[in-house]
Amino acid sequence: MYSRTQNENGSFNTRCLDCLMTIASCVDTEKELDEREAHHLCPEKALAQLLAQNRAAVIHAARN
């Protein structure tokens, strides 16, 4: 999820709501914002996925 804002000059900014990192600032089009957001590798989401995989592996190992 991202938070988009529009500047007074018509350009846009976007920020990741998970890690609060600014993904783009002063971008001219919403299409470019879409592209920048699509390429964002959020460290918070990556960590959450890693922890979930670790928990699943521990649970699986305990069952066997």
PDB file of N, CA and C in Angstrom:
ATOM      1  N   MET A   1       0.838  -1.168   0.000  1.00  0.00           N
ATOM      2  CA  MET A   1       0.000   0.000   0.000  1.00  0.00           C
ATOM      3  C   MET A   1       0.889   1.239   0.000  1.00  0.00           C
ATOM      4  N   TYR A   2       0.443   2.231  -0.719  1.00  0.00           N
ATOM      5  CA  TYR A   2       1.222   3.449  -0.870  1.00  0.00           C
ATOM      6  C   TYR A   2       0.358   4.672  -0.598  1.00  0.00           C
ATOM      7  N   SER A   3       1.009   5.722  -0.165  1.00  0.00           N
ATOM      8  CA  SER A   3       0.349   7.004   0.036  1.00  0.00           C
ATOM      9  C   SER A   3       0.880   7.963  -1.023  1.00  0.00           C
ATOM     10  N   ARG A   4      -0.027   8.455  -1.834  1.00  0.00           N
ATOM     11  CA  ARG A   4       0.360   9.391  -2.898  1.00  0.00           C
ATOM     12  C   ARG A   4      -0.106  10.797  -2.548  1.00  0.00           C
ATOM     13  N   THR A   5       0.750  11.754  -2.852  1.00  0.00           N
ATOM     14  CA  THR A   5       0.379  13.157  -2.684  1.00  0.00           C
ATOM     15  C   THR A   5       0.758  13.907  -3.948  1.00  0.00           C
ATOM     16  N   GLN A   6       0.043  14.983  -4.197  1.00  0.00           N
ATOM     17  CA  GLN A   6       0.341  15.804  -5.362  1.00  0.00           C
ATOM     18  C   GLN A   6       0.902  17.137  -4.897  1.00  0.00           C
ATOM     19  N   ASN A   7       1.989  17.541  -5.519  1.00  0.00           N
ATOM     20  CA  ASN A   7       2.644  18.804  -5.194  1.00  0.00           C
ATOM     21  C   ASN A   7       1.930  19.974  -5.876  1.00  0.00           C
ATOM     22  N   GLU A   8       2.242  21.168  -5.439  1.00  0.00           N
ATOM     23  CA  GLU A   8       1.633  22.373  -6.014  1.00  0.00           C
ATOM     24  C   GLU A   8       1.906  22.506  -7.507  1.00  0.00           C
ATOM     25  N   ASN A   9       3.049  21.988  -7.967  1.00  0.00           N
ATOM     26  CA  ASN A   9       3.396  22.109  -9.382  1.00  0.00           C
ATOM     27  C   ASN A   9       2.793  20.989 -10.238  1.00  0.00           C
ATOM     28  N   GLY A  10       1.971  20.118  -9.629  1.00  0.00           N
ATOM     29  CA  GLY A  10       1.298  19.048 -10.370  1.00  0.00           C
ATOM     30  C   GLY A  10       2.034  17.722 -10.345  1.00  0.00           C
ATOM     31  N   SER A  11       3.270  17.692  -9.853  1.00  0.00           N
ATOM     32  CA  SER A  11       4.013  16.434  -9.771  1.00  0.00           C
ATOM     33  C   SER A  11       3.524  15.641  -8.558  1.00  0.00           C
ATOM     34  N   PHE A  12       3.961  14.381  -8.475  1.00  0.00           N
ATOM     35  CA  PHE A  12       3.481  13.485  -7.429  1.00  0.00           C
ATOM     36  C   PHE A  12       4.622  12.942  -6.581  1.00  0.00           C
ATOM     37  N   ASN A  13       4.279  12.551  -5.366  1.00  0.00           N
ATOM     38  CA  ASN A  13       5.173  11.827  -4.458  1.00  0.00           C
ATOM     39  C   ASN A  13       4.445  10.552  -4.055  1.00  0.00           C
ATOM     40  N   THR A  14       5.195   9.514  -3.722  1.00  0.00           N
ATOM     41  CA  THR A  14       4.586   8.301  -3.200  1.00  0.00           C
ATOM     42  C   THR A  14       5.469   7.722  -2.106  1.00  0.00           C
ATOM     43  N   ARG A  15       4.811   7.177  -1.081  1.00  0.00           N
ATOM     44  CA  ARG A  15       5.518   6.630   0.075  1.00  0.00           C
ATOM     45  C   ARG A  15       4.919   5.269   0.408  1.00  0.00           C
ATOM     46  N   CYS A  16       5.778   4.310   0.735  1.00  0.00           N
ATOM     47  CA  CYS A  16       5.347   2.979   1.145  1.00  0.00           C
ATOM     48  C   CYS A  16       4.795   3.079   2.570  1.00  0.00           C
ATOM     49  N   LEU A  17       3.590   2.555   2.779  1.00  0.00           N
ATOM     50  CA  LEU A  17       2.974   2.632   4.099  1.00  0.00           C
ATOM     51  C   LEU A  17       3.472   1.546   5.042  1.00  0.00           C
ATOM     52  N   ASP A  18       4.228   0.572   4.524  1.00  0.00           N
ATOM     53  CA  ASP A  18       4.799  -0.470   5.378  1.00  0.00           C
ATOM     54  C   ASP A  18       6.121  -0.022   5.987  1.00  0.00           C
ATOM     55  N   CYS A  19       7.028   0.493   5.160  1.00  0.00           N
ATOM     56  CA  CYS A  19       8.348   0.866   5.660  1.00  0.00           C
ATOM     57  C   CYS A  19       8.534   2.385   5.760  1.00  0.00           C
ATOM     58  N   LEU A  20       7.545   3.141   5.284  1.00  0.00           N
ATOM     59  CA  LEU A  20       7.546   4.610   5.292  1.00  0.00           C
ATOM     60  C   LEU A  20       8.642   5.225   4.433  1.00  0.00           C
ATOM     61  N   MET A  21       9.195   4.437   3.524  1.00  0.00           N
ATOM     62  CA  MET A  21      10.222   4.937   2.613  1.00  0.00           C
ATOM     63  C   MET A  21       9.561   5.739   1.488  1.00  0.00           C
ATOM     64  N   THR A  22      10.155   6.865   1.139  1.00  0.00           N
ATOM     65  CA  THR A  22       9.687   7.619  -0.011  1.00  0.00           C
ATOM     66  C   THR A  22      10.158   6.878  -1.257  1.00  0.00           C
ATOM     67  N   ILE A  23       9.213   6.455  -2.076  1.00  0.00           N
ATOM     68  CA  ILE A  23       9.523   5.675  -3.276  1.00  0.00           C
ATOM     69  C   ILE A  23       9.850   6.601  -4.436  1.00  0.00           C
ATOM     70  N   ALA A  24       9.134   7.709  -4.534  1.00  0.00           N
ATOM     71  CA  ALA A  24       9.381   8.661  -5.611  1.00  0.00           C
ATOM     72  C   ALA A  24       8.923  10.042  -5.160  1.00  0.00           C
ATOM     73  N   SER A  25       9.599  11.045  -5.663  1.00  0.00           N
ATOM     74  CA  SER A  25       9.172  12.419  -5.408  1.00  0.00           C
ATOM     75  C   SER A  25       9.336  13.219  -6.692  1.00  0.00           C
ATOM     76  N   CYS A  26       8.446  14.158  -6.878  1.00  0.00           N
ATOM     77  CA  CYS A  26       8.440  15.038  -8.050  1.00  0.00           C
ATOM     78  C   CYS A  26       8.328  14.259  -9.360  1.00  0.00           C
ATOM     79  N   VAL A  27       7.490  13.222  -9.363  1.00  0.00           N
ATOM     80  CA  VAL A  27       7.236  12.426 -10.563  1.00  0.00           C
ATOM     81  C   VAL A  27       6.094  13.078 -11.322  1.00  0.00           C
ATOM     82  N   ASP A  28       6.210  13.133 -12.642  1.00  0.00           N
ATOM     83  CA  ASP A  28       5.238  13.872 -13.448  1.00  0.00           C
ATOM     84  C   ASP A  28       3.918  13.153 -13.698  1.00  0.00           C
ATOM     85  N   THR A  29       3.931  11.809 -13.805  1.00  0.00           N
ATOM     86  CA  THR A  29       2.701  11.095 -14.159  1.00  0.00           C
ATOM     87  C   THR A  29       2.382   9.989 -13.164  1.00  0.00           C
ATOM     88  N   GLU A  30       1.100   9.655 -13.074  1.00  0.00           N
ATOM     89  CA  GLU A  30       0.696   8.558 -12.211  1.00  0.00           C
ATOM     90  C   GLU A  30       1.184   7.223 -12.767  1.00  0.00           C
ATOM     91  N   LYS A  31       1.343   7.132 -14.080  1.00  0.00           N
ATOM     92  CA  LYS A  31       1.891   5.915 -14.690  1.00  0.00           C
ATOM     93  C   LYS A  31       3.309   5.658 -14.181  1.00  0.00           C
ATOM     94  N   GLU A  32       4.106   6.707 -14.097  1.00  0.00           N
ATOM     95  CA  GLU A  32       5.464   6.568 -13.581  1.00  0.00           C
ATOM     96  C   GLU A  32       5.445   6.175 -12.094  1.00  0.00           C
ATOM     97  N   LEU A  33       4.477   6.694 -11.347  1.00  0.00           N
ATOM     98  CA  LEU A  33       4.327   6.291  -9.947  1.00  0.00           C
ATOM     99  C   LEU A  33       4.034   4.799  -9.853  1.00  0.00           C
ATOM    100  N   ASP A  34       3.129   4.312 -10.716  1.00  0.00           N
ATOM    101  CA  ASP A  34       2.810   2.883 -10.746  1.00  0.00           C
ATOM    102  C   ASP A  34       4.067   2.053 -10.975  1.00  0.00           C
ATOM    103  N   GLU A  35       4.903   2.492 -11.906  1.00  0.00           N
ATOM    104  CA  GLU A  35       6.138   1.767 -12.224  1.00  0.00           C
ATOM    105  C   GLU A  35       7.107   1.774 -11.044  1.00  0.00           C
ATOM    106  N   ARG A  36       7.256   2.916 -10.414  1.00  0.00           N
ATOM    107  CA  ARG A  36       8.160   3.010  -9.261  1.00  0.00           C
ATOM    108  C   ARG A  36       7.681   2.145  -8.104  1.00  0.00           C
ATOM    109  N   GLU A  37       6.372   2.173  -7.847  1.00  0.00           N
ATOM    110  CA  GLU A  37       5.816   1.357  -6.771  1.00  0.00           C
ATOM    111  C   GLU A  37       5.972  -0.127  -7.064  1.00  0.00           C
ATOM    112  N   ALA A  38       5.800  -0.517  -8.327  1.00  0.00           N
ATOM    113  CA  ALA A  38       5.923  -1.918  -8.718  1.00  0.00           C
ATOM    114  C   ALA A  38       7.343  -2.440  -8.510  1.00  0.00           C
ATOM    115  N   HIS A  39       8.332  -1.579  -8.576  1.00  0.00           N
ATOM    116  CA  HIS A  39       9.728  -1.982  -8.426  1.00  0.00           C
ATOM    117  C   HIS A  39      10.265  -1.835  -6.999  1.00  0.00           C
ATOM    118  N   HIS A  40       9.432  -1.344  -6.103  1.00  0.00           N
ATOM    119  CA  HIS A  40       9.862  -1.150  -4.712  1.00  0.00           C
ATOM    120  C   HIS A  40       9.984  -2.495  -4.000  1.00  0.00           C
ATOM    121  N   LEU A  41      11.121  -2.758  -3.405  1.00  0.00           N
ATOM    122  CA  LEU A  41      11.336  -3.947  -2.596  1.00  0.00           C
ATOM    123  C   LEU A  41      11.301  -3.511  -1.135  1.00  0.00           C
ATOM    124  N   CYS A  42      10.167  -3.699  -0.520  1.00  0.00           N
ATOM    125  CA  CYS A  42       9.948  -3.222   0.839  1.00  0.00           C
ATOM    126  C   CYS A  42      10.678  -4.115   1.841  1.00  0.00           C
ATOM    127  N   PRO A  43      11.613  -3.580   2.618  1.00  0.00           N
ATOM    128  CA  PRO A  43      12.329  -4.395   3.593  1.00  0.00           C
ATOM    129  C   PRO A  43      11.419  -4.919   4.691  1.00  0.00           C
ATOM    130  N   GLU A  44      10.378  -4.193   5.055  1.00  0.00           N
ATOM    131  CA  GLU A  44       9.443  -4.643   6.085  1.00  0.00           C
ATOM    132  C   GLU A  44       8.671  -5.871   5.613  1.00  0.00           C
ATOM    133  N   LYS A  45       8.204  -5.846   4.362  1.00  0.00           N
ATOM    134  CA  LYS A  45       7.474  -6.998   3.825  1.00  0.00           C
ATOM    135  C   LYS A  45       8.399  -8.194   3.666  1.00  0.00           C
ATOM    136  N   ALA A  46       9.624  -7.959   3.216  1.00  0.00           N
ATOM    137  CA  ALA A  46      10.588  -9.049   3.051  1.00  0.00           C
ATOM    138  C   ALA A  46      10.886  -9.711   4.387  1.00  0.00           C
ATOM    139  N   LEU A  47      11.060  -8.921   5.425  1.00  0.00           N
ATOM    140  CA  LEU A  47      11.318  -9.466   6.754  1.00  0.00           C
ATOM    141  C   LEU A  47      10.117 -10.254   7.265  1.00  0.00           C
ATOM    142  N   ALA A  48       8.928  -9.736   7.066  1.00  0.00           N
ATOM    143  CA  ALA A  48       7.715 -10.431   7.507  1.00  0.00           C
ATOM    144  C   ALA A  48       7.576 -11.772   6.797  1.00  0.00           C
ATOM    145  N   GLN A  49       7.877 -11.818   5.504  1.00  0.00           N
ATOM    146  CA  GLN A  49       7.805 -13.075   4.760  1.00  0.00           C
ATOM    147  C   GLN A  49       8.851 -14.064   5.254  1.00  0.00           C
ATOM    148  N   LEU A  50      10.039 -13.592   5.521  1.00  0.00           N
ATOM    149  CA  LEU A  50      11.101 -14.451   6.022  1.00  0.00           C
ATOM    150  C   LEU A  50      10.725 -15.045   7.379  1.00  0.00           C
ATOM    151  N   LEU A  51      10.195 -14.236   8.263  1.00  0.00           N
ATOM    152  CA  LEU A  51       9.782 -14.717   9.582  1.00  0.00           C
ATOM    153  C   LEU A  51       8.640 -15.724   9.471  1.00  0.00           C
ATOM    154  N   ALA A  52       7.704 -15.479   8.557  1.00  0.00           N
ATOM    155  CA  ALA A  52       6.589 -16.410   8.361  1.00  0.00           C
ATOM    156  C   ALA A  52       7.097 -17.753   7.834  1.00  0.00           C
ATOM    157  N   GLN A  53       8.047 -17.724   6.911  1.00  0.00           N
ATOM    158  CA  GLN A  53       8.627 -18.962   6.393  1.00  0.00           C
ATOM    159  C   GLN A  53       9.361 -19.713   7.492  1.00  0.00           C
ATOM    160  N   ASN A  54      10.075 -18.991   8.333  1.00  0.00           N
ATOM    161  CA  ASN A  54      10.807 -19.600   9.440  1.00  0.00           C
ATOM    162  C   ASN A  54       9.833 -20.268  10.410  1.00  0.00           C
ATOM    163  N   ARG A  55       8.733 -19.573  10.755  1.00  0.00           N
ATOM    164  CA  ARG A  55       7.730 -20.144  11.648  1.00  0.00           C
ATOM    165  C   ARG A  55       7.112 -21.401  11.050  1.00  0.00           C
ATOM    166  N   ALA A  56       6.823 -21.374   9.754  1.00  0.00           N
ATOM    167  CA  ALA A  56       6.232 -22.535   9.085  1.00  0.00           C
ATOM    168  C   ALA A  56       7.199 -23.717   9.113  1.00  0.00           C
ATOM    169  N   ALA A  57       8.480 -23.451   8.924  1.00  0.00           N
ATOM    170  CA  ALA A  57       9.485 -24.518   8.955  1.00  0.00           C
ATOM    171  C   ALA A  57       9.593 -25.116  10.357  1.00  0.00           C
ATOM    172  N   VAL A  58       9.535 -24.287  11.379  1.00  0.00           N
ATOM    173  CA  VAL A  58       9.610 -24.768  12.766  1.00  0.00           C
ATOM    174  C   VAL A  58       8.387 -25.627  13.086  1.00  0.00           C
ATOM    175  N   ILE A  59       7.209 -25.175  12.680  1.00  0.00           N
ATOM    176  CA  ILE A  59       5.989 -25.936  12.915  1.00  0.00           C
ATOM    177  C   ILE A  59       6.033 -27.278  12.186  1.00  0.00           C
ATOM    178  N   HIS A  60       6.485 -27.249  10.951  1.00  0.00           N
ATOM    179  CA  HIS A  60       6.597 -28.475  10.159  1.00  0.00           C
ATOM    180  C   HIS A  60       7.576 -29.450  10.795  1.00  0.00           C
ATOM    181  N   ALA A  61       8.695 -28.940  11.256  1.00  0.00           N
ATOM    182  CA  ALA A  61       9.714 -29.807  11.897  1.00  0.00           C
ATOM    183  C   ALA A  61       9.183 -30.396  13.199  1.00  0.00           C
ATOM    184  N   ALA A  62       8.391 -29.666  13.947  1.00  0.00           N
ATOM    185  CA  ALA A  62       7.840 -30.146  15.206  1.00  0.00           C
ATOM    186  C   ALA A  62       6.816 -31.257  14.979  1.00  0.00           C
ATOM    187  N   ARG A  63       6.119 -31.198  13.861  1.00  0.00           N
ATOM    188  CA  ARG A  63       5.116 -32.224  13.554  1.00  0.00           C
ATOM    189  C   ARG A  63       5.763 -33.538  13.118  1.00  0.00           C
ATOM    190  N   ASN A  64       6.949 -33.453  12.561  1.00  0.00           N
ATOM    191  CA  ASN A  64       7.614 -34.652  12.040  1.00  0.00           C
ATOM    192  C   ASN A  64       8.571 -35.145  13.037  1.00  0.00           C
TER     193      ASN A  64
END
